[in-house]
PDB file of N, CA and C in Angstrom:
ATOM      1  N   ALA A   1     162.772 209.537  63.831  1.00  0.00           N
ATOM      2  CA  ALA A   1     161.920 209.509  62.657  1.00  0.00           C
ATOM      3  C   ALA A   1     162.043 210.799  61.852  1.00  0.00           C
ATOM      4  N   MET A   2     162.335 211.895  62.509  1.00  0.00           N
ATOM      5  CA  MET A   2     162.375 213.188  61.824  1.00  0.00           C
ATOM      6  C   MET A   2     163.636 213.385  60.988  1.00  0.00           C
ATOM      7  N   CYS A   3     164.700 212.656  61.272  1.00  0.00           N
ATOM      8  CA  CYS A   3     165.960 212.874  60.550  1.00  0.00           C
ATOM      9  C   CYS A   3     165.866 212.491  59.070  1.00  0.00           C
ATOM     10  N   THR A   4     164.892 211.689  58.693  1.00  0.00           N
ATOM     11  CA  THR A   4     164.724 211.298  57.287  1.00  0.00           C
ATOM     12  C   THR A   4     163.810 212.250  56.521  1.00  0.00           C
ATOM     13  N   LYS A   5     163.349 213.318  57.192  1.00  0.00           N
ATOM     14  CA  LYS A   5     162.457 214.322  56.598  1.00  0.00           C
ATOM     15  C   LYS A   5     161.210 213.694  55.962  1.00  0.00           C
ATOM     16  N   PRO A   6     160.421 212.990  56.780  1.00  0.00           N
ATOM     17  CA  PRO A   6     159.227 212.331  56.238  1.00  0.00           C
ATOM     18  C   PRO A   6     158.163 213.343  55.820  1.00  0.00           C
ATOM     19  N   VAL A   7     157.261 212.910  54.963  1.00  0.00           N
ATOM     20  CA  VAL A   7     156.097 213.724  54.612  1.00  0.00           C
ATOM     21  C   VAL A   7     154.876 213.278  55.419  1.00  0.00           C
ATOM     22  N   LEU A   8     154.976 212.100  56.045  1.00  0.00           N
ATOM     23  CA  LEU A   8     153.895 211.544  56.845  1.00  0.00           C
ATOM     24  C   LEU A   8     154.489 210.871  58.076  1.00  0.00           C
ATOM     25  N   LEU A   9     153.898 211.143  59.229  1.00  0.00           N
ATOM     26  CA  LEU A   9     154.342 210.567  60.486  1.00  0.00           C
ATOM     27  C   LEU A   9     153.164 209.819  61.103  1.00  0.00           C
ATOM     28  N   CYS A  10     153.360 208.560  61.472  1.00  0.00           N
ATOM     29  CA  CYS A  10     152.307 207.754  62.097  1.00  0.00           C
ATOM     30  C   CYS A  10     152.626 207.603  63.583  1.00  0.00           C
ATOM     31  N   LEU A  11     151.710 208.060  64.426  1.00  0.00           N
ATOM     32  CA  LEU A  11     151.887 207.996  65.871  1.00  0.00           C
ATOM     33  C   LEU A  11     150.812 207.089  66.456  1.00  0.00           C
ATOM     34  N   ASP A  12     151.225 206.009  67.091  1.00  0.00           N
ATOM     35  CA  ASP A  12     150.303 205.025  67.664  1.00  0.00           C
ATOM     36  C   ASP A  12     150.276 205.174  69.181  1.00  0.00           C
ATOM     37  N   GLU A  13     149.190 205.733  69.691  1.00  0.00           N
ATOM     38  CA  GLU A  13     148.976 205.949  71.122  1.00  0.00           C
ATOM     39  C   GLU A  13     150.129 206.704  71.787  1.00  0.00           C
ATOM     40  N   PRO A  14     150.526 207.859  71.255  1.00  0.00           N
ATOM     41  CA  PRO A  14     151.654 208.575  71.860  1.00  0.00           C
ATOM     42  C   PRO A  14     151.381 209.099  73.270  1.00  0.00           C
ATOM     43  N   ALA A  15     150.115 209.253  73.654  1.00  0.00           N
ATOM     44  CA  ALA A  15     149.791 209.775  74.983  1.00  0.00           C
ATOM     45  C   ALA A  15     149.558 208.675  76.017  1.00  0.00           C
ATOM     46  N   ALA A  16     149.694 207.419  75.623  1.00  0.00           N
ATOM     47  CA  ALA A  16     149.455 206.309  76.554  1.00  0.00           C
ATOM     48  C   ALA A  16     150.395 206.423  77.753  1.00  0.00           C
ATOM     49  N   GLY A  17     149.825 206.396  78.936  1.00  0.00           N
ATOM     50  CA  GLY A  17     150.611 206.423  80.165  1.00  0.00           C
ATOM     51  C   GLY A  17     151.086 207.797  80.600  1.00  0.00           C
ATOM     52  N   LEU A  18     150.699 208.846  79.875  1.00  0.00           N
ATOM     53  CA  LEU A  18     151.136 210.190  80.237  1.00  0.00           C
ATOM     54  C   LEU A  18     150.143 210.846  81.193  1.00  0.00           C
ATOM     55  N   ASN A  19     150.662 211.677  82.085  1.00  0.00           N
ATOM     56  CA  ASN A  19     149.776 212.450  82.957  1.00  0.00           C
ATOM     57  C   ASN A  19     149.304 213.689  82.189  1.00  0.00           C
ATOM     58  N   PRO A  20     148.333 214.436  82.715  1.00  0.00           N
ATOM     59  CA  PRO A  20     147.801 215.586  81.970  1.00  0.00           C
ATOM     60  C   PRO A  20     148.860 216.622  81.563  1.00  0.00           C
ATOM     61  N   LYS A  21     149.825 216.893  82.414  1.00  0.00           N
ATOM     62  CA  LYS A  21     150.882 217.859  82.075  1.00  0.00           C
ATOM     63  C   LYS A  21     151.717 217.338  80.907  1.00  0.00           C
ATOM     64  N   GLU A  22     152.056 216.068  80.955  1.00  0.00           N
ATOM     65  CA  GLU A  22     152.835 215.469  79.868  1.00  0.00           C
ATOM     66  C   GLU A  22     152.034 215.439  78.569  1.00  0.00           C
ATOM     67  N   SER A  23     150.732 215.171  78.663  1.00  0.00           N
ATOM     68  CA  SER A  23     149.875 215.178  77.468  1.00  0.00           C
ATOM     69  C   SER A  23     149.830 216.564  76.836  1.00  0.00           C
ATOM     70  N   ALA A  24     149.766 217.601  77.674  1.00  0.00           N
ATOM     71  CA  ALA A  24     149.751 218.975  77.157  1.00  0.00           C
ATOM     72  C   ALA A  24     151.063 219.284  76.436  1.00  0.00           C
ATOM     73  N   GLU A  25     152.176 218.832  77.003  1.00  0.00           N
ATOM     74  CA  GLU A  25     153.478 219.039  76.360  1.00  0.00           C
ATOM     75  C   GLU A  25     153.563 218.264  75.047  1.00  0.00           C
ATOM     76  N   LEU A  26     153.010 217.057  75.033  1.00  0.00           N
ATOM     77  CA  LEU A  26     152.977 216.258  73.807  1.00  0.00           C
ATOM     78  C   LEU A  26     152.158 216.972  72.730  1.00  0.00           C
ATOM     79  N   ASN A  27     151.010 217.534  73.112  1.00  0.00           N
ATOM     80  CA  ASN A  27     150.180 218.288  72.157  1.00  0.00           C
ATOM     81  C   ASN A  27     150.981 219.413  71.523  1.00  0.00           C
ATOM     82  N   GLN A  28     151.734 220.134  72.338  1.00  0.00           N
ATOM     83  CA  GLN A  28     152.550 221.235  71.824  1.00  0.00           C
ATOM     84  C   GLN A  28     153.603 220.723  70.852  1.00  0.00           C
ATOM     85  N   LEU A  29     154.260 219.623  71.198  1.00  0.00           N
ATOM     86  CA  LEU A  29     155.302 219.064  70.341  1.00  0.00           C
ATOM     87  C   LEU A  29     154.728 218.592  69.007  1.00  0.00           C
ATOM     88  N   ILE A  30     153.624 217.866  69.047  1.00  0.00           N
ATOM     89  CA  ILE A  30     153.016 217.370  67.807  1.00  0.00           C
ATOM     90  C   ILE A  30     152.549 218.542  66.939  1.00  0.00           C
ATOM     91  N   SER A  31     151.942 219.541  67.553  1.00  0.00           N
ATOM     92  CA  SER A  31     151.507 220.723  66.799  1.00  0.00           C
ATOM     93  C   SER A  31     152.695 221.435  66.169  1.00  0.00           C
ATOM     94  N   TYR A  32     153.784 221.548  66.903  1.00  0.00           N
ATOM     95  CA  TYR A  32     154.999 222.177  66.369  1.00  0.00           C
ATOM     96  C   TYR A  32     155.515 221.398  65.156  1.00  0.00           C
ATOM     97  N   ILE A  33     155.617 220.090  65.297  1.00  0.00           N
ATOM     98  CA  ILE A  33     156.111 219.252  64.193  1.00  0.00           C
ATOM     99  C   ILE A  33     155.211 219.410  62.972  1.00  0.00           C
ATOM    100  N   LYS A  34     153.903 219.352  63.191  1.00  0.00           N
ATOM    101  CA  LYS A  34     152.938 219.463  62.085  1.00  0.00           C
ATOM    102  C   LYS A  34     153.055 220.808  61.373  1.00  0.00           C
ATOM    103  N   ASN A  35     153.126 221.869  62.141  1.00  0.00           N
ATOM    104  CA  ASN A  35     153.109 223.212  61.560  1.00  0.00           C
ATOM    105  C   ASN A  35     154.465 223.670  61.033  1.00  0.00           C
ATOM    106  N   GLU A  36     155.519 223.420  61.759  1.00  0.00           N
ATOM    107  CA  GLU A  36     156.842 223.907  61.370  1.00  0.00           C
ATOM    108  C   GLU A  36     157.490 223.060  60.281  1.00  0.00           C
ATOM    109  N   HIS A  37     157.236 221.768  60.316  1.00  0.00           N
ATOM    110  CA  HIS A  37     157.856 220.872  59.335  1.00  0.00           C
ATOM    111  C   HIS A  37     156.896 220.488  58.214  1.00  0.00           C
ATOM    112  N   ARG A  38     155.639 220.971  58.317  1.00  0.00           N
ATOM    113  CA  ARG A  38     154.611 220.711  57.297  1.00  0.00           C
ATOM    114  C   ARG A  38     154.503 219.215  56.976  1.00  0.00           C
ATOM    115  N   ILE A  39     154.318 218.446  58.030  1.00  0.00           N
ATOM    116  CA  ILE A  39     154.230 216.991  57.928  1.00  0.00           C
ATOM    117  C   ILE A  39     152.791 216.564  58.208  1.00  0.00           C
ATOM    118  N   GLY A  40     152.280 215.646  57.405  1.00  0.00           N
ATOM    119  CA  GLY A  40     150.995 215.030  57.691  1.00  0.00           C
ATOM    120  C   GLY A  40     151.172 214.043  58.833  1.00  0.00           C
ATOM    121  N   ILE A  41     150.198 213.981  59.716  1.00  0.00           N
ATOM    122  CA  ILE A  41     150.287 213.080  60.867  1.00  0.00           C
ATOM    123  C   ILE A  41     149.049 212.203  60.922  1.00  0.00           C
ATOM    124  N   ILE A  42     149.279 210.902  61.012  1.00  0.00           N
ATOM    125  CA  ILE A  42     148.212 209.945  61.292  1.00  0.00           C
ATOM    126  C   ILE A  42     148.348 209.618  62.769  1.00  0.00           C
ATOM    127  N   LEU A  43     147.311 209.916  63.530  1.00  0.00           N
ATOM    128  CA  LEU A  43     147.335 209.746  64.977  1.00  0.00           C
ATOM    129  C   LEU A  43     146.321 208.685  65.371  1.00  0.00           C
ATOM    130  N   ILE A  44     146.796 207.633  66.001  1.00  0.00           N
ATOM    131  CA  ILE A  44     145.917 206.609  66.559  1.00  0.00           C
ATOM    132  C   ILE A  44     145.950 206.841  68.059  1.00  0.00           C
ATOM    133  N   GLU A  45     144.814 207.240  68.627  1.00  0.00           N
ATOM    134  CA  GLU A  45     144.832 207.678  70.025  1.00  0.00           C
ATOM    135  C   GLU A  45     143.458 207.523  70.653  1.00  0.00           C
ATOM    136  N   HIS A  46     143.420 207.059  71.912  1.00  0.00           N
ATOM    137  CA  HIS A  46     142.171 206.945  72.651  1.00  0.00           C
ATOM    138  C   HIS A  46     141.916 208.158  73.545  1.00  0.00           C
ATOM    139  N   ASP A  47     142.933 208.965  73.803  1.00  0.00           N
ATOM    140  CA  ASP A  47     142.775 210.164  74.626  1.00  0.00           C
ATOM    141  C   ASP A  47     142.154 211.252  73.752  1.00  0.00           C
ATOM    142  N   MET A  48     140.842 211.423  73.900  1.00  0.00           N
ATOM    143  CA  MET A  48     140.118 212.336  73.016  1.00  0.00           C
ATOM    144  C   MET A  48     140.531 213.793  73.197  1.00  0.00           C
ATOM    145  N   SER A  49     141.045 214.167  74.373  1.00  0.00           N
ATOM    146  CA  SER A  49     141.503 215.547  74.537  1.00  0.00           C
ATOM    147  C   SER A  49     142.716 215.807  73.657  1.00  0.00           C
ATOM    148  N   VAL A  50     143.592 214.824  73.521  1.00  0.00           N
ATOM    149  CA  VAL A  50     144.744 214.949  72.622  1.00  0.00           C
ATOM    150  C   VAL A  50     144.250 215.033  71.179  1.00  0.00           C
ATOM    151  N   VAL A  51     143.363 214.143  70.809  1.00  0.00           N
ATOM    152  CA  VAL A  51     142.845 214.097  69.437  1.00  0.00           C
ATOM    153  C   VAL A  51     142.180 215.420  69.064  1.00  0.00           C
ATOM    154  N   MET A  52     141.308 215.916  69.925  1.00  0.00           N
ATOM    155  CA  MET A  52     140.547 217.132  69.617  1.00  0.00           C
ATOM    156  C   MET A  52     141.429 218.370  69.525  1.00  0.00           C
ATOM    157  N   LYS A  53     142.485 218.429  70.321  1.00  0.00           N
ATOM    158  CA  LYS A  53     143.325 219.629  70.349  1.00  0.00           C
ATOM    159  C   LYS A  53     144.273 219.738  69.164  1.00  0.00           C
ATOM    160  N   ILE A  54     144.694 218.615  68.584  1.00  0.00           N
ATOM    161  CA  ILE A  54     145.721 218.707  67.541  1.00  0.00           C
ATOM    162  C   ILE A  54     145.248 218.304  66.152  1.00  0.00           C
ATOM    163  N   SER A  55     144.028 217.823  66.045  1.00  0.00           N
ATOM    164  CA  SER A  55     143.564 217.305  64.753  1.00  0.00           C
ATOM    165  C   SER A  55     142.812 218.342  63.928  1.00  0.00           C
ATOM    166  N   ASP A  56     143.033 218.294  62.616  1.00  0.00           N
ATOM    167  CA  ASP A  56     142.254 219.087  61.668  1.00  0.00           C
ATOM    168  C   ASP A  56     141.085 218.266  61.132  1.00  0.00           C
ATOM    169  N   HIS A  57     141.282 216.957  61.067  1.00  0.00           N
ATOM    170  CA  HIS A  57     140.296 216.028  60.517  1.00  0.00           C
ATOM    171  C   HIS A  57     140.383 214.738  61.325  1.00  0.00           C
ATOM    172  N   ILE A  58     139.236 214.167  61.668  1.00  0.00           N
ATOM    173  CA  ILE A  58     139.185 212.968  62.512  1.00  0.00           C
ATOM    174  C   ILE A  58     138.311 211.912  61.853  1.00  0.00           C
ATOM    175  N   ILE A  59     138.771 210.670  61.913  1.00  0.00           N
ATOM    176  CA  ILE A  59     137.959 209.514  61.533  1.00  0.00           C
ATOM    177  C   ILE A  59     137.818 208.678  62.796  1.00  0.00           C
ATOM    178  N   VAL A  60     136.585 208.364  63.167  1.00  0.00           N
ATOM    179  CA  VAL A  60     136.316 207.616  64.390  1.00  0.00           C
ATOM    180  C   VAL A  60     135.903 206.198  64.030  1.00  0.00           C
ATOM    181  N   LEU A  61     136.546 205.238  64.690  1.00  0.00           N
ATOM    182  CA  LEU A  61     136.214 203.830  64.510  1.00  0.00           C
ATOM    183  C   LEU A  61     135.563 203.291  65.770  1.00  0.00           C
ATOM    184  N   ASP A  62     134.644 202.371  65.602  1.00  0.00           N
ATOM    185  CA  ASP A  62     134.036 201.638  66.709  1.00  0.00           C
ATOM    186  C   ASP A  62     134.067 200.168  66.333  1.00  0.00           C
ATOM    187  N   HIS A  63     134.845 199.391  67.046  1.00  0.00           N
ATOM    188  CA  HIS A  63     135.021 197.965  66.752  1.00  0.00           C
ATOM    189  C   HIS A  63     135.438 197.737  65.302  1.00  0.00           C
ATOM    190  N   GLY A  64     136.326 198.600  64.800  1.00  0.00           N
ATOM    191  CA  GLY A  64     136.873 198.441  63.458  1.00  0.00           C
ATOM    192  C   GLY A  64     136.054 199.027  62.324  1.00  0.00           C
ATOM    193  N   SER A  65     134.879 199.553  62.625  1.00  0.00           N
ATOM    194  CA  SER A  65     134.037 200.155  61.584  1.00  0.00           C
ATOM    195  C   SER A  65     134.029 201.671  61.732  1.00  0.00           C
ATOM    196  N   LYS A  66     134.107 202.376  60.599  1.00  0.00           N
ATOM    197  CA  LYS A  66     134.068 203.834  60.629  1.00  0.00           C
ATOM    198  C   LYS A  66     132.660 204.299  60.971  1.00  0.00           C
ATOM    199  N   ILE A  67     132.561 205.134  62.015  1.00  0.00           N
ATOM    200  CA  ILE A  67     131.251 205.656  62.417  1.00  0.00           C
ATOM    201  C   ILE A  67     131.145 207.167  62.228  1.00  0.00           C
ATOM    202  N   ALA A  68     132.281 207.838  62.023  1.00  0.00           N
ATOM    203  CA  ALA A  68     132.231 209.287  61.817  1.00  0.00           C
ATOM    204  C   ALA A  68     133.495 209.750  61.115  1.00  0.00           C
ATOM    205  N   ASP A  69     133.367 210.880  60.422  1.00  0.00           N
ATOM    206  CA  ASP A  69     134.461 211.420  59.618  1.00  0.00           C
ATOM    207  C   ASP A  69     134.218 212.920  59.498  1.00  0.00           C
ATOM    208  N   GLY A  70     135.110 213.738  60.061  1.00  0.00           N
ATOM    209  CA  GLY A  70     134.912 215.179  59.946  1.00  0.00           C
ATOM    210  C   GLY A  70     135.841 215.992  60.816  1.00  0.00           C
ATOM    211  N   THR A  71     135.483 217.246  60.999  1.00  0.00           N
ATOM    212  CA  THR A  71     136.267 218.162  61.821  1.00  0.00           C
ATOM    213  C   THR A  71     136.071 217.819  63.301  1.00  0.00           C
ATOM    214  N   PRO A  72     136.968 218.286  64.171  1.00  0.00           N
ATOM    215  CA  PRO A  72     136.759 218.044  65.604  1.00  0.00           C
ATOM    216  C   PRO A  72     135.398 218.551  66.091  1.00  0.00           C
ATOM    217  N   GLU A  73     134.971 219.704  65.585  1.00  0.00           N
ATOM    218  CA  GLU A  73     133.679 220.262  65.993  1.00  0.00           C
ATOM    219  C   GLU A  73     132.521 219.339  65.596  1.00  0.00           C
ATOM    220  N   ALA A  74     132.580 218.795  64.388  1.00  0.00           N
ATOM    221  CA  ALA A  74     131.527 217.883  63.923  1.00  0.00           C
ATOM    222  C   ALA A  74     131.553 216.575  64.706  1.00  0.00           C
ATOM    223  N   ILE A  75     132.734 216.079  64.993  1.00  0.00           N
ATOM    224  CA  ILE A  75     132.870 214.809  65.721  1.00  0.00           C
ATOM    225  C   ILE A  75     132.297 214.925  67.129  1.00  0.00           C
ATOM    226  N   LYS A  76     132.534 216.048  67.799  1.00  0.00           N
ATOM    227  CA  LYS A  76     132.021 216.254  69.162  1.00  0.00           C
ATOM    228  C   LYS A  76     130.502 216.163  69.223  1.00  0.00           C
ATOM    229  N   GLU A  77     129.831 216.534  68.125  1.00  0.00           N
ATOM    230  CA  GLU A  77     128.370 216.570  68.086  1.00  0.00           C
ATOM    231  C   GLU A  77     127.745 215.338  67.434  1.00  0.00           C
ATOM    232  N   ASP A  78     128.560 214.431  66.916  1.00  0.00           N
ATOM    233  CA  ASP A  78     128.046 213.291  66.159  1.00  0.00           C
ATOM    234  C   ASP A  78     127.348 212.290  67.087  1.00  0.00           C
ATOM    235  N   PRO A  79     126.078 211.969  66.834  1.00  0.00           N
ATOM    236  CA  PRO A  79     125.334 211.041  67.693  1.00  0.00           C
ATOM    237  C   PRO A  79     125.965 209.649  67.782  1.00  0.00           C
ATOM    238  N   ALA A  80     126.534 209.153  66.688  1.00  0.00           N
ATOM    239  CA  ALA A  80     127.148 207.819  66.713  1.00  0.00           C
ATOM    240  C   ALA A  80     128.394 207.811  67.596  1.00  0.00           C
ATOM    241  N   VAL A  81     129.158 208.887  67.573  1.00  0.00           N
ATOM    242  CA  VAL A  81     130.351 208.988  68.427  1.00  0.00           C
ATOM    243  C   VAL A  81     129.931 209.081  69.887  1.00  0.00           C
ATOM    244  N   ILE A  82     128.932 209.897  70.155  1.00  0.00           N
ATOM    245  CA  ILE A  82     128.435 210.029  71.525  1.00  0.00           C
ATOM    246  C   ILE A  82     127.944 208.683  72.037  1.00  0.00           C
ATOM    247  N   ALA A  83     127.196 207.962  71.213  1.00  0.00           N
ATOM    248  CA  ALA A  83     126.682 206.651  71.620  1.00  0.00           C
ATOM    249  C   ALA A  83     127.807 205.654  71.865  1.00  0.00           C
ATOM    250  N   ALA A  84     128.791 205.628  70.992  1.00  0.00           N
ATOM    251  CA  ALA A  84     129.877 204.648  71.107  1.00  0.00           C
ATOM    252  C   ALA A  84     130.797 204.935  72.282  1.00  0.00           C
ATOM    253  N   TYR A  85     131.053 206.207  72.546  1.00  0.00           N
ATOM    254  CA  TYR A  85     132.045 206.542  73.558  1.00  0.00           C
ATOM    255  C   TYR A  85     131.470 207.026  74.874  1.00  0.00           C
ATOM    256  N   LEU A  86     130.177 207.374  74.893  1.00  0.00           N
ATOM    257  CA  LEU A  86     129.552 207.794  76.139  1.00  0.00           C
ATOM    258  C   LEU A  86     128.428 206.861  76.563  1.00  0.00           C
ATOM    259  N   GLY A  87     128.144 205.851  75.738  1.00  0.00           N
ATOM    260  CA  GLY A  87     127.166 204.844  76.105  1.00  0.00           C
ATOM    261  C   GLY A  87     125.716 205.257  75.948  1.00  0.00           C
ATOM    262  N   GLU A  88     125.448 206.278  75.156  1.00  0.00           N
ATOM    263  CA  GLU A  88     124.076 206.717  74.931  1.00  0.00           C
ATOM    264  C   GLU A  88     123.544 206.127  73.639  1.00  0.00           C
ATOM    265  N   GLU A  89     122.231 206.083  73.514  1.00  0.00           N
ATOM    266  CA  GLU A  89     121.600 205.596  72.291  1.00  0.00           C
ATOM    267  C   GLU A  89     121.834 206.579  71.155  1.00  0.00           C
ATOM    268  N   ALA A  90     122.142 206.061  69.950  1.00  0.00           N
ATOM    269  CA  ALA A  90     122.320 206.938  68.779  1.00  0.00           C
ATOM    270  C   ALA A  90     120.982 207.262  68.168  1.00  0.00           C
TER     271      ALA A  90
END
């Protein structure tokens, strides 16, 4: 995908099936691509540790509806995200 010099890269569940060491290496690779090649990345991912470590901006969906939109710090504290992903009341 990189040989065409894209301005946007879409990654769909790139950490699926990876162990923690492999996920950490993936985080480094994605961060390198984003920073060195100045490419926008759309990341679709359920592994929140991957999402939180490499994202500048996050949109959270729950059953197809947007429930949160913001920085990783804001998303971690969002009551709707906590309720949807940790099973607590919003």
